[in-house]
Protein backbone atom coordinates (compact mmCIF):
# COMPACT_ATOMS: atom_id res chain seq x y z
CA MET A 1 22.60 155.06 62.54
CA GLN A 2 24.26 158.04 60.91
CA VAL A 3 27.93 157.88 61.87
CA LEU A 4 29.01 161.42 60.92
CA LYS A 5 26.85 164.18 62.38
CA ARG A 6 28.70 167.30 61.22
CA PRO A 7 32.21 168.61 60.57
CA ILE A 8 33.68 170.75 63.33
CA VAL A 9 34.76 174.06 61.80
CA THR A 10 36.48 176.04 64.54
CA GLU A 11 39.65 178.10 64.44
CA LYS A 12 41.63 175.42 66.25
CA PHE A 13 40.54 172.54 64.01
CA THR A 14 40.70 174.63 60.81
CA SER A 15 44.40 175.26 61.45
CA GLN A 16 44.91 171.48 61.49
CA ASN A 17 43.44 171.19 57.96
CA GLU A 18 46.77 172.34 56.50
CA VAL A 19 48.44 169.29 58.07
CA GLY A 20 45.74 166.95 56.70
CA LYS A 21 43.67 166.52 59.87
CA TYR A 22 39.91 167.09 59.96
CA ALA A 23 37.49 166.99 62.89
CA PHE A 24 33.95 165.61 62.93
CA GLU A 25 31.22 165.24 65.51
CA VAL A 26 30.22 161.58 65.38
CA ASP A 27 27.62 159.27 66.88
CA LYS A 28 28.53 158.32 70.45
CA ASN A 29 28.35 154.58 69.65
CA ALA A 30 30.46 154.75 66.46
CA ASN A 31 33.86 153.05 66.46
CA LYS A 32 37.02 153.99 64.53
CA VAL A 33 36.42 151.51 61.70
CA GLU A 34 32.90 152.84 61.07
CA ILE A 35 34.15 156.44 61.13
CA LYS A 36 36.93 155.63 58.66
CA LYS A 37 34.53 153.93 56.23
CA ALA A 38 32.01 156.79 56.47
CA VAL A 39 34.59 159.50 55.73
CA GLU A 40 36.09 157.55 52.83
CA LYS A 41 32.65 156.92 51.32
CA LEU A 42 31.30 160.46 51.79
CA TYR A 43 34.35 162.47 50.73
CA GLY A 44 36.21 160.03 48.46
CA VAL A 45 39.55 160.27 50.31
CA THR A 46 41.95 157.79 51.91
CA VAL A 47 42.01 157.85 55.72
CA GLU A 48 45.25 156.86 57.46
CA LYS A 49 44.36 157.36 61.13
CA VAL A 50 41.31 158.06 63.30
CA SER A 51 41.52 159.46 66.83
CA THR A 52 38.40 159.75 68.96
CA MET A 53 37.52 161.60 72.14
CA ARG A 54 34.44 161.87 74.30
CA THR A 55 33.82 165.22 75.95
CA GLN A 56 31.56 165.62 78.97
CA GLY A 57 28.71 168.09 78.48
CA LYS A 58 28.98 171.48 80.12
CA LEU A 59 27.22 172.11 83.41
CA LYS A 60 24.29 174.53 83.06
CA VAL A 61 22.61 176.37 85.95
CA LYS A 62 19.40 178.46 85.79
CA ASN A 63 17.90 180.62 88.50
CA THR A 64 14.11 180.33 88.41
CA LYS A 65 11.23 181.31 90.68
CA ALA A 66 11.17 177.77 92.04
CA GLY A 67 14.89 177.86 92.84
CA VAL A 68 18.12 176.86 91.19
CA VAL A 69 17.84 174.25 88.43
CA SER A 70 21.04 172.56 87.28
CA GLY A 71 21.80 170.01 84.61
CA ARG A 72 24.27 169.00 81.92
CA LYS A 73 24.40 169.29 78.17
CA PRO A 74 24.70 165.92 76.40
CA LEU A 75 27.96 164.04 75.86
CA VAL A 76 29.69 164.74 72.53
CA LYS A 77 32.02 162.35 70.71
CA LYS A 78 34.56 163.88 68.33
CA ALA A 79 36.82 162.22 65.77
CA ILE A 80 40.02 163.63 64.31
CA VAL A 81 40.73 162.05 60.94
CA SER A 82 44.21 162.10 59.37
CA LEU A 83 44.26 161.81 55.59
CA LYS A 84 46.87 160.45 53.20
CA ALA A 85 49.44 163.09 52.15
CA GLY A 86 48.18 165.38 49.39
CA GLU A 87 44.45 164.74 49.91
CA VAL A 88 42.04 167.42 51.12
CA ILE A 89 38.38 167.74 52.08
CA ASP A 90 36.58 170.88 50.94
CA PHE A 91 33.68 171.61 53.32
CA TYR A 92 32.68 174.79 51.44
CA SER A 93 32.28 173.33 47.92
CA GLY A 94 28.48 173.06 48.13
CA ILE A 95 27.87 176.64 49.28
């Protein structure tokens, strides 16, 4: 199981980077301890706190010849990781 799927780089979460908080999309079965260990191992930083949230997938509706087809996008679990003061994660170093 891969715990971290991808970093979330949006305007809202990027503004939190200055405070030392970073957001990641994580596996839906991952717990806070696993997320903390994965971030520390991958980025070489010290994690102080992990907050998680599960967001319900958006409702999607399509009009087709057979009628209206509705469904949902899959559930997404996000983690907000707070780092020790003075430490940063650079997502753009490998580009």
